[in-house]
Protein backbone atom coordinates (compact mmCIF):
# COMPACT_ATOMS: atom_id res chain seq x y z
CA MET A 1 145.89 128.31 19.45
CA ALA A 2 142.87 129.91 17.65
CA ASN A 3 141.75 133.25 19.22
CA LEU A 4 138.27 132.72 20.71
CA LYS A 5 136.17 135.68 20.96
CA LYS A 6 134.68 136.67 24.17
CA GLN A 7 131.11 137.00 24.19
CA PRO A 8 129.46 140.10 25.87
CA ARG A 9 127.99 139.84 29.43
CA ARG A 10 124.17 139.43 28.96
CA THR A 11 122.78 142.05 31.46
CA ARG A 12 119.28 141.36 33.51
CA PRO A 13 116.50 143.82 31.93
CA THR A 14 115.82 146.03 34.78
CA THR A 15 112.36 145.59 36.14
CA GLY A 16 111.83 148.71 37.84
CA SER A 17 114.04 150.09 41.68
CA ARG A 18 112.85 147.55 44.16
CA ARG A 19 112.83 148.40 47.84
CA ARG A 20 115.42 147.59 49.90
CA LYS A 21 113.88 145.30 52.95
CA TYR A 22 114.81 146.10 56.21
CA CYS A 23 115.46 143.59 59.27
CA PHE A 24 112.41 142.82 61.03
CA PHE A 25 114.43 142.28 64.19
CA CYS A 26 116.54 145.69 63.92
CA LYS A 27 113.48 147.57 62.90
CA GLU A 28 111.54 146.21 66.08
CA GLY A 29 114.81 146.51 68.44
CA ILE A 30 115.38 142.82 69.42
CA GLU A 31 118.61 141.67 70.10
CA GLU A 32 118.25 137.89 70.82
CA VAL A 33 115.77 135.39 68.71
CA ASP A 34 113.54 133.33 71.03
CA TYR A 35 113.25 130.04 69.35
CA LYS A 36 109.83 129.76 71.37
CA ASP A 37 108.63 132.42 69.55
CA PHE A 38 108.16 130.24 66.77
CA THR A 39 104.57 132.82 65.44
CA THR A 40 107.99 135.25 64.33
CA LEU A 41 110.13 132.22 62.99
CA ARG A 42 107.12 130.90 60.62
CA ARG A 43 107.80 134.40 59.08
CA PHE A 44 111.19 133.27 57.83
CA MET A 45 109.83 130.15 56.66
CA SER A 46 108.48 128.65 53.07
CA GLU A 47 105.61 127.05 52.88
CA ARG A 48 107.30 123.18 52.95
CA GLY A 49 109.05 123.95 56.22
CA LYS A 50 112.44 125.27 54.70
CA ILE A 51 114.40 128.40 55.69
CA ARG A 52 114.11 131.31 53.92
CA SER A 53 117.37 133.20 52.59
CA ARG A 54 118.58 136.67 53.60
CA ARG A 55 118.13 137.97 50.28
CA THR A 56 114.13 136.49 50.82
CA THR A 57 113.49 137.93 54.45
CA GLY A 58 116.16 141.00 54.46
CA ALA A 59 117.39 139.74 57.34
CA CYS A 60 120.79 141.17 58.72
CA ARG A 61 123.47 138.85 58.76
CA ARG A 62 123.87 138.38 62.60
CA HIS A 63 119.95 138.16 62.68
CA GLN A 64 119.91 135.49 59.85
CA ARG A 65 122.10 133.46 61.41
CA GLN A 66 119.91 133.67 64.80
CA VAL A 67 116.75 132.54 63.02
CA ALA A 68 118.33 129.41 61.65
CA VAL A 69 119.89 128.42 64.64
CA ALA A 70 115.98 129.32 66.60
CA ILE A 71 114.60 127.42 63.98
CA LYS A 72 116.80 124.22 64.00
CA ARG A 73 116.24 124.50 68.06
CA ALA A 74 112.46 124.83 67.70
CA ARG A 75 112.45 121.98 65.18
CA GLU A 76 114.34 119.78 67.73
CA VAL A 77 111.56 120.06 70.60
CA ALA A 78 108.89 120.29 68.32
CA LEU A 79 107.55 123.89 68.58
CA LEU A 80 108.11 124.20 64.61
CA PRO A 81 107.85 120.85 61.57
CA TYR A 82 110.64 119.71 59.82
CA SER A 83 108.67 119.75 56.61
CA SER A 84 104.90 120.27 55.96
CA ARG A 85 103.17 118.33 53.18
């Protein structure tokens, strides 16, 4: 068999240090995410109506899961659109 040389891993160029994002709900002291608070939920949705990721929003694991469930409930009762044009 031929000996294959491993390619060195490429590293991303650093674009400077990025500020750590903190969970909005932990910072405000909110325990449970309410599906009726659609103005807050809109912050966690893209312009196209998709749910944004934890990496983008900075939400903690617990609250990101609650946000996703709350957005889905709000869509069911027509407080939020499923998609936008």
